[in-house]
PDB file of N, CA and C in Angstrom:
ATOM      1  N   GLN A   1       3.794-100.053  14.131  1.00  0.00           N
ATOM      2  CA  GLN A   1       4.132 -98.696  13.756  1.00  0.00           C
ATOM      3  C   GLN A   1       5.471 -98.276  14.349  1.00  0.00           C
ATOM      4  N   LEU A   2       5.746 -98.642  15.570  1.00  0.00           N
ATOM      5  CA  LEU A   2       6.925 -98.135  16.243  1.00  0.00           C
ATOM      6  C   LEU A   2       8.051 -99.152  16.377  1.00  0.00           C
ATOM      7  N   ASP A   3       7.895-100.357  15.844  1.00  0.00           N
ATOM      8  CA  ASP A   3       8.895-101.385  16.077  1.00  0.00           C
ATOM      9  C   ASP A   3      10.191-101.160  15.320  1.00  0.00           C
ATOM     10  N   SER A   4      10.230-100.257  14.333  1.00  0.00           N
ATOM     11  CA  SER A   4      11.474 -99.989  13.624  1.00  0.00           C
ATOM     12  C   SER A   4      11.951 -98.557  13.835  1.00  0.00           C
ATOM     13  N   LEU A   5      11.377 -97.845  14.785  1.00  0.00           N
ATOM     14  CA  LEU A   5      11.716 -96.450  15.023  1.00  0.00           C
ATOM     15  C   LEU A   5      13.065 -96.339  15.722  1.00  0.00           C
ATOM     16  N   PHE A   6      13.970 -95.539  15.164  1.00  0.00           N
ATOM     17  CA  PHE A   6      15.301 -95.336  15.722  1.00  0.00           C
ATOM     18  C   PHE A   6      15.250 -94.137  16.661  1.00  0.00           C
ATOM     19  N   HIS A   7      15.799 -94.264  17.854  1.00  0.00           N
ATOM     20  CA  HIS A   7      15.789 -93.138  18.786  1.00  0.00           C
ATOM     21  C   HIS A   7      16.849 -93.339  19.865  1.00  0.00           C
ATOM     22  N   LYS A   8      17.044 -92.275  20.658  1.00  0.00           N
ATOM     23  CA  LYS A   8      17.969 -92.366  21.782  1.00  0.00           C
ATOM     24  C   LYS A   8      17.325 -93.173  22.900  1.00  0.00           C
ATOM     25  N   ALA A   9      18.124 -93.996  23.532  1.00  0.00           N
ATOM     26  CA  ALA A   9      17.620 -94.773  24.665  1.00  0.00           C
ATOM     27  C   ALA A   9      17.418 -93.846  25.859  1.00  0.00           C
ATOM     28  N   LYS A  10      16.362 -94.071  26.603  1.00  0.00           N
ATOM     29  CA  LYS A  10      16.097 -93.187  27.735  1.00  0.00           C
ATOM     30  C   LYS A  10      16.712 -93.706  29.017  1.00  0.00           C
ATOM     31  N   ALA A  11      16.851 -95.002  29.164  1.00  0.00           N
ATOM     32  CA  ALA A  11      17.336 -95.580  30.410  1.00  0.00           C
ATOM     33  C   ALA A  11      18.845 -95.828  30.408  1.00  0.00           C
ATOM     34  N   LYS A  12      19.508 -95.664  29.283  1.00  0.00           N
ATOM     35  CA  LYS A  12      20.950 -95.886  29.204  1.00  0.00           C
ATOM     36  C   LYS A  12      21.511 -95.009  28.090  1.00  0.00           C
ATOM     37  N   MET A  13      22.822 -94.899  28.021  1.00  0.00           N
ATOM     38  CA  MET A  13      23.429 -94.133  26.939  1.00  0.00           C
ATOM     39  C   MET A  13      23.506 -95.025  25.713  1.00  0.00           C
ATOM     40  N   GLY A  14      22.943 -94.569  24.619  1.00  0.00           N
ATOM     41  CA  GLY A  14      22.980 -95.351  23.402  1.00  0.00           C
ATOM     42  C   GLY A  14      21.769 -95.100  22.534  1.00  0.00           C
ATOM     43  N   PHE A  15      21.726 -95.794  21.431  1.00  0.00           N
ATOM     44  CA  PHE A  15      20.629 -95.687  20.490  1.00  0.00           C
ATOM     45  C   PHE A  15      20.008 -97.065  20.316  1.00  0.00           C
ATOM     46  N   LEU A  16      18.746 -97.093  19.943  1.00  0.00           N
ATOM     47  CA  LEU A  16      18.105 -98.375  19.716  1.00  0.00           C
ATOM     48  C   LEU A  16      16.972 -98.236  18.715  1.00  0.00           C
ATOM     49  N   PHE A  17      16.545 -99.370  18.218  1.00  0.00           N
ATOM     50  CA  PHE A  17      15.398 -99.432  17.327  1.00  0.00           C
ATOM     51  C   PHE A  17      14.235-100.008  18.110  1.00  0.00           C
ATOM     52  N   GLY A  18      13.051 -99.475  17.876  1.00  0.00           N
ATOM     53  CA  GLY A  18      11.873-100.062  18.479  1.00  0.00           C
ATOM     54  C   GLY A  18      11.297 -99.253  19.618  1.00  0.00           C
ATOM     55  N   TYR A  19      10.258 -99.809  20.180  1.00  0.00           N
ATOM     56  CA  TYR A  19       9.478 -99.144  21.221  1.00  0.00           C
ATOM     57  C   TYR A  19      10.227 -99.136  22.546  1.00  0.00           C
ATOM     58  N   GLU A  20      10.093 -98.044  23.275  1.00  0.00           N
ATOM     59  CA  GLU A  20      10.612 -97.973  24.635  1.00  0.00           C
ATOM     60  C   GLU A  20       9.516 -97.380  25.507  1.00  0.00           C
ATOM     61  N   ALA A  21       9.226 -98.005  26.619  1.00  0.00           N
ATOM     62  CA  ALA A  21       8.109 -97.582  27.465  1.00  0.00           C
ATOM     63  C   ALA A  21       8.213 -96.110  27.850  1.00  0.00           C
ATOM     64  N   ASP A  22       7.087 -95.418  27.787  1.00  0.00           N
ATOM     65  CA  ASP A  22       6.954 -94.021  28.177  1.00  0.00           C
ATOM     66  C   ASP A  22       7.800 -93.077  27.334  1.00  0.00           C
ATOM     67  N   ASN A  23       8.288 -93.514  26.199  1.00  0.00           N
ATOM     68  CA  ASN A  23       9.069 -92.637  25.342  1.00  0.00           C
ATOM     69  C   ASN A  23       8.318 -92.323  24.057  1.00  0.00           C
ATOM     70  N   HIS A  24       7.553 -93.254  23.548  1.00  0.00           N
ATOM     71  CA  HIS A  24       6.800 -93.049  22.323  1.00  0.00           C
ATOM     72  C   HIS A  24       5.346 -93.429  22.552  1.00  0.00           C
ATOM     73  N   ALA A  25       4.483 -92.674  21.935  1.00  0.00           N
ATOM     74  CA  ALA A  25       3.065 -93.002  21.976  1.00  0.00           C
ATOM     75  C   ALA A  25       2.504 -92.804  20.580  1.00  0.00           C
ATOM     76  N   ILE A  26       1.495 -93.573  20.227  1.00  0.00           N
ATOM     77  CA  ILE A  26       0.935 -93.487  18.881  1.00  0.00           C
ATOM     78  C   ILE A  26       0.277 -92.136  18.638  1.00  0.00           C
ATOM     79  N   ASN A  27      -0.224 -91.500  19.679  1.00  0.00           N
ATOM     80  CA  ASN A  27      -0.964 -90.254  19.494  1.00  0.00           C
ATOM     81  C   ASN A  27      -0.101 -89.001  19.512  1.00  0.00           C
ATOM     82  N   THR A  28       1.218 -89.106  19.611  1.00  0.00           N
ATOM     83  CA  THR A  28       2.054 -87.908  19.661  1.00  0.00           C
ATOM     84  C   THR A  28       3.478 -88.234  19.224  1.00  0.00           C
ATOM     85  N   ALA A  29       4.329 -87.254  19.272  1.00  0.00           N
ATOM     86  CA  ALA A  29       5.736 -87.414  18.919  1.00  0.00           C
ATOM     87  C   ALA A  29       6.499 -87.992  20.113  1.00  0.00           C
ATOM     88  N   PRO A  30       7.769 -88.382  19.903  1.00  0.00           N
ATOM     89  CA  PRO A  30       8.559 -88.799  21.064  1.00  0.00           C
ATOM     90  C   PRO A  30       8.546 -87.710  22.130  1.00  0.00           C
ATOM     91  N   LYS A  31       8.425 -88.102  23.372  1.00  0.00           N
ATOM     92  CA  LYS A  31       8.270 -87.135  24.459  1.00  0.00           C
ATOM     93  C   LYS A  31       9.431 -86.156  24.534  1.00  0.00           C
ATOM     94  N   GLU A  32      10.623 -86.565  24.119  1.00  0.00           N
ATOM     95  CA  GLU A  32      11.780 -85.682  24.200  1.00  0.00           C
ATOM     96  C   GLU A  32      11.704 -84.522  23.210  1.00  0.00           C
ATOM     97  N   THR A  33      10.775 -84.571  22.253  1.00  0.00           N
ATOM     98  CA  THR A  33      10.672 -83.492  21.269  1.00  0.00           C
ATOM     99  C   THR A  33       9.585 -82.486  21.597  1.00  0.00           C
ATOM    100  N   LEU A  34       8.771 -82.727  22.614  1.00  0.00           N
ATOM    101  CA  LEU A  34       7.684 -81.819  22.951  1.00  0.00           C
ATOM    102  C   LEU A  34       8.202 -80.672  23.807  1.00  0.00           C
ATOM    103  N   VAL A  35       7.860 -79.444  23.433  1.00  0.00           N
ATOM    104  CA  VAL A  35       8.263 -78.264  24.192  1.00  0.00           C
ATOM    105  C   VAL A  35       7.066 -77.360  24.390  1.00  0.00           C
ATOM    106  N   LYS A  36       7.122 -76.534  25.403  1.00  0.00           N
ATOM    107  CA  LYS A  36       6.091 -75.535  25.643  1.00  0.00           C
ATOM    108  C   LYS A  36       6.793 -74.195  25.805  1.00  0.00           C
ATOM    109  N   ILE A  37       6.429 -73.241  24.963  1.00  0.00           N
ATOM    110  CA  ILE A  37       7.019 -71.911  25.030  1.00  0.00           C
ATOM    111  C   ILE A  37       5.968 -70.975  25.597  1.00  0.00           C
ATOM    112  N   THR A  38       6.261 -70.364  26.732  1.00  0.00           N
ATOM    113  CA  THR A  38       5.300 -69.441  27.332  1.00  0.00           C
ATOM    114  C   THR A  38       5.612 -68.001  26.969  1.00  0.00           C
ATOM    115  N   PHE A  39       6.887 -67.646  26.859  1.00  0.00           N
ATOM    116  CA  PHE A  39       7.271 -66.295  26.462  1.00  0.00           C
ATOM    117  C   PHE A  39       8.685 -66.357  25.921  1.00  0.00           C
ATOM    118  N   ALA A  40       8.886 -65.874  24.728  1.00  0.00           N
ATOM    119  CA  ALA A  40      10.220 -65.897  24.140  1.00  0.00           C
ATOM    120  C   ALA A  40      10.933 -64.583  24.439  1.00  0.00           C
ATOM    121  N   GLU A  41      10.495 -63.525  23.827  1.00  0.00           N
ATOM    122  CA  GLU A  41      11.077 -62.203  24.052  1.00  0.00           C
ATOM    123  C   GLU A  41      10.178 -61.175  23.405  1.00  0.00           C
ATOM    124  N   LYS A  42      10.346 -59.929  23.787  1.00  0.00           N
ATOM    125  CA  LYS A  42       9.576 -58.867  23.157  1.00  0.00           C
ATOM    126  C   LYS A  42      10.074 -58.700  21.730  1.00  0.00           C
ATOM    127  N   GLY A  43       9.154 -58.495  20.811  1.00  0.00           N
ATOM    128  CA  GLY A  43       9.529 -58.416  19.408  1.00  0.00           C
ATOM    129  C   GLY A  43       9.805 -56.999  18.954  1.00  0.00           C
ATOM    130  N   GLY A  44      10.054 -56.861  17.680  1.00  0.00           N
ATOM    131  CA  GLY A  44      10.297 -55.550  17.103  1.00  0.00           C
ATOM    132  C   GLY A  44      11.699 -55.042  17.376  1.00  0.00           C
ATOM    133  N   LEU A  45      12.016 -53.926  16.746  1.00  0.00           N
ATOM    134  CA  LEU A  45      13.327 -53.309  16.892  1.00  0.00           C
ATOM    135  C   LEU A  45      13.501 -52.810  18.320  1.00  0.00           C
ATOM    136  N   LYS A  46      14.554 -53.224  18.971  1.00  0.00           N
ATOM    137  CA  LYS A  46      14.856 -52.871  20.365  1.00  0.00           C
ATOM    138  C   LYS A  46      13.729 -53.256  21.317  1.00  0.00           C
ATOM    139  N   GLY A  47      13.003 -54.327  20.997  1.00  0.00           N
ATOM    140  CA  GLY A  47      11.958 -54.831  21.876  1.00  0.00           C
ATOM    141  C   GLY A  47      10.679 -54.031  21.857  1.00  0.00           C
ATOM    142  N   LYS A  48      10.483 -53.196  20.857  1.00  0.00           N
ATOM    143  CA  LYS A  48       9.269 -52.377  20.784  1.00  0.00           C
ATOM    144  C   LYS A  48       8.491 -52.722  19.523  1.00  0.00           C
ATOM    145  N   GLY A  49       7.182 -52.775  19.652  1.00  0.00           N
ATOM    146  CA  GLY A  49       6.340 -53.067  18.496  1.00  0.00           C
ATOM    147  C   GLY A  49       6.306 -54.546  18.173  1.00  0.00           C
ATOM    148  N   LYS A  50       5.880 -54.849  16.958  1.00  0.00           N
ATOM    149  CA  LYS A  50       5.766 -56.237  16.513  1.00  0.00           C
ATOM    150  C   LYS A  50       6.986 -56.635  15.694  1.00  0.00           C
ATOM    151  N   LEU A  51       7.273 -57.940  15.690  1.00  0.00           N
ATOM    152  CA  LEU A  51       8.329 -58.458  14.831  1.00  0.00           C
ATOM    153  C   LEU A  51       7.966 -58.215  13.373  1.00  0.00           C
ATOM    154  N   ASP A  52       8.965 -58.077  12.523  1.00  0.00           N
ATOM    155  CA  ASP A  52       8.706 -57.848  11.101  1.00  0.00           C
ATOM    156  C   ASP A  52       7.916 -58.995  10.483  1.00  0.00           C
ATOM    157  N   ILE A  53       8.156 -60.224  10.924  1.00  0.00           N
ATOM    158  CA  ILE A  53       7.443 -61.369  10.351  1.00  0.00           C
ATOM    159  C   ILE A  53       5.947 -61.281  10.624  1.00  0.00           C
ATOM    160  N   VAL A  54       5.556 -60.695  11.747  1.00  0.00           N
ATOM    161  CA  VAL A  54       4.136 -60.548  12.070  1.00  0.00           C
ATOM    162  C   VAL A  54       3.474 -59.598  11.082  1.00  0.00           C
ATOM    163  N   LYS A  55       4.207 -58.597  10.639  1.00  0.00           N
ATOM    164  CA  LYS A  55       3.671 -57.617   9.695  1.00  0.00           C
ATOM    165  C   LYS A  55       3.540 -58.190   8.283  1.00  0.00           C
ATOM    166  N   SER A  56       4.115 -59.368   8.031  1.00  0.00           N
ATOM    167  CA  SER A  56       4.107 -59.947   6.689  1.00  0.00           C
ATOM    168  C   SER A  56       2.743 -60.476   6.270  1.00  0.00           C
ATOM    169  N   GLY A  57       1.883 -60.813   7.246  1.00  0.00           N
ATOM    170  CA  GLY A  57       0.573 -61.358   6.920  1.00  0.00           C
ATOM    171  C   GLY A  57       0.542 -62.866   6.793  1.00  0.00           C
ATOM    172  N   PHE A  58       1.627 -63.534   7.143  1.00  0.00           N
ATOM    173  CA  PHE A  58       1.707 -64.990   7.010  1.00  0.00           C
ATOM    174  C   PHE A  58       1.752 -65.710   8.350  1.00  0.00           C
ATOM    175  N   THR A  59       1.461 -65.034   9.453  1.00  0.00           N
ATOM    176  CA  THR A  59       1.495 -65.663  10.769  1.00  0.00           C
ATOM    177  C   THR A  59       0.081 -65.835  11.315  1.00  0.00           C
ATOM    178  N   PRO A  60      -0.146 -66.808  12.200  1.00  0.00           N
ATOM    179  CA  PRO A  60      -1.480 -67.014  12.765  1.00  0.00           C
ATOM    180  C   PRO A  60      -2.004 -65.759  13.456  1.00  0.00           C
ATOM    181  N   ALA A  61      -3.278 -65.498  13.257  1.00  0.00           N
ATOM    182  CA  ALA A  61      -3.992 -64.336  13.817  1.00  0.00           C
ATOM    183  C   ALA A  61      -3.578 -63.020  13.173  1.00  0.00           C
ATOM    184  N   ASN A  62      -2.728 -63.066  12.157  1.00  0.00           N
ATOM    185  CA  ASN A  62      -2.324 -61.864  11.428  1.00  0.00           C
ATOM    186  C   ASN A  62      -2.334 -62.130   9.927  1.00  0.00           C
ATOM    187  N   GLU A  63      -3.308 -62.903   9.453  1.00  0.00           N
ATOM    188  CA  GLU A  63      -3.334 -63.317   8.060  1.00  0.00           C
ATOM    189  C   GLU A  63      -3.710 -62.153   7.145  1.00  0.00           C
ATOM    190  N   ASN A  64      -3.016 -62.090   5.998  1.00  0.00           N
ATOM    191  CA  ASN A  64      -3.406 -61.125   4.973  1.00  0.00           C
ATOM    192  C   ASN A  64      -4.471 -61.769   4.072  1.00  0.00           C
ATOM    193  N   GLU A  65      -4.897 -61.052   3.049  1.00  0.00           N
ATOM    194  CA  GLU A  65      -5.972 -61.550   2.180  1.00  0.00           C
ATOM    195  C   GLU A  65      -5.578 -62.853   1.488  1.00  0.00           C
ATOM    196  N   PHE A  66      -4.318 -62.952   1.033  1.00  0.00           N
ATOM    197  CA  PHE A  66      -3.860 -64.172   0.379  1.00  0.00           C
ATOM    198  C   PHE A  66      -3.962 -65.367   1.329  1.00  0.00           C
ATOM    199  N   MET A  67      -3.485 -65.203   2.557  1.00  0.00           N
ATOM    200  CA  MET A  67      -3.522 -66.311   3.515  1.00  0.00           C
ATOM    201  C   MET A  67      -4.951 -66.700   3.878  1.00  0.00           C
ATOM    202  N   GLU A  68      -5.841 -65.737   3.978  1.00  0.00           N
ATOM    203  CA  GLU A  68      -7.241 -66.062   4.258  1.00  0.00           C
ATOM    204  C   GLU A  68      -7.837 -66.891   3.125  1.00  0.00           C
ATOM    205  N   ASN A  69      -7.490 -66.545   1.873  1.00  0.00           N
ATOM    206  CA  ASN A  69      -7.942 -67.345   0.730  1.00  0.00           C
ATOM    207  C   ASN A  69      -7.308 -68.733   0.740  1.00  0.00           C
ATOM    208  N   TYR A  70      -6.029 -68.810   1.112  1.00  0.00           N
ATOM    209  CA  TYR A  70      -5.337 -70.098   1.186  1.00  0.00           C
ATOM    210  C   TYR A  70      -5.995 -71.003   2.227  1.00  0.00           C
ATOM    211  N   ILE A  71      -6.268 -70.462   3.396  1.00  0.00           N
ATOM    212  CA  ILE A  71      -6.892 -71.241   4.464  1.00  0.00           C
ATOM    213  C   ILE A  71      -8.286 -71.703   4.057  1.00  0.00           C
ATOM    214  N   ALA A  72      -8.992 -70.862   3.325  1.00  0.00           N
ATOM    215  CA  ALA A  72     -10.340 -71.211   2.878  1.00  0.00           C
ATOM    216  C   ALA A  72     -10.322 -72.202   1.715  1.00  0.00           C
ATOM    217  N   GLY A  73      -9.139 -72.456   1.131  1.00  0.00           N
ATOM    218  CA  GLY A  73      -9.024 -73.396   0.025  1.00  0.00           C
ATOM    219  C   GLY A  73      -9.354 -72.792  -1.319  1.00  0.00           C
ATOM    220  N   ASN A  74      -9.215 -71.486  -1.450  1.00  0.00           N
ATOM    221  CA  ASN A  74      -9.577 -70.803  -2.689  1.00  0.00           C
ATOM    222  C   ASN A  74      -8.398 -70.513  -3.603  1.00  0.00           C
ATOM    223  N   ILE A  75      -7.207 -70.988  -3.302  1.00  0.00           N
ATOM    224  CA  ILE A  75      -6.031 -70.673  -4.112  1.00  0.00           C
ATOM    225  C   ILE A  75      -5.934 -71.595  -5.326  1.00  0.00           C
ATOM    226  N   THR A  76      -6.116 -72.879  -5.145  1.00  0.00           N
ATOM    227  CA  THR A  76      -6.038 -73.825  -6.260  1.00  0.00           C
ATOM    228  C   THR A  76      -7.373 -74.518  -6.443  1.00  0.00           C
ATOM    229  N   THR A  77      -7.592 -74.977  -7.649  1.00  0.00           N
ATOM    230  CA  THR A  77      -8.805 -75.736  -7.940  1.00  0.00           C
ATOM    231  C   THR A  77      -8.413 -77.017  -8.664  1.00  0.00           C
ATOM    232  N   VAL A  78      -9.285 -77.983  -8.635  1.00  0.00           N
ATOM    233  CA  VAL A  78      -9.045 -79.259  -9.291  1.00  0.00           C
ATOM    234  C   VAL A  78     -10.162 -79.475 -10.293  1.00  0.00           C
ATOM    235  N   GLY A  79      -9.780 -79.928 -11.476  1.00  0.00           N
ATOM    236  CA  GLY A  79     -10.786 -80.211 -12.491  1.00  0.00           C
ATOM    237  C   GLY A  79     -10.588 -79.333 -13.712  1.00  0.00           C
ATOM    238  N   ASP A  80     -11.678 -78.832 -14.265  1.00  0.00           N
ATOM    239  CA  ASP A  80     -11.616 -78.059 -15.495  1.00  0.00           C
ATOM    240  C   ASP A  80     -11.076 -76.651 -15.291  1.00  0.00           C
ATOM    241  N   ASP A  81     -11.123 -76.144 -14.082  1.00  0.00           N
ATOM    242  CA  ASP A  81     -10.645 -74.785 -13.832  1.00  0.00           C
ATOM    243  C   ASP A  81      -9.132 -74.724 -13.920  1.00  0.00           C
ATOM    244  N   GLU A  82      -8.607 -73.526 -14.229  1.00  0.00           N
ATOM    245  CA  GLU A  82      -7.159 -73.342 -14.256  1.00  0.00           C
ATOM    246  C   GLU A  82      -6.620 -73.334 -12.846  1.00  0.00           C
ATOM    247  N   TRP A  83      -5.371 -73.682 -12.712  1.00  0.00           N
ATOM    248  CA  TRP A  83      -4.729 -73.645 -11.404  1.00  0.00           C
ATOM    249  C   TRP A  83      -4.396 -72.247 -11.099  1.00  0.00           C
TER     250      TRP A  83
END
């Protein structure tokens, strides 16, 4: 799986193809791409209230009716029913 993967070398300056110890694992992405965000900034206009995107209904924990149907798999059907 990883023998042809192109990436930056971790122990030297350069690029290489293939596996490099402690840089790639089958169960996750390259370690250099993993980030943890604990707090970005207060949202909304001048840092008050919610960001406009949160009000859209398309973000986690703020789903609108359409997104709830999408998550439940009720938007499209396969077979004789119309799409």
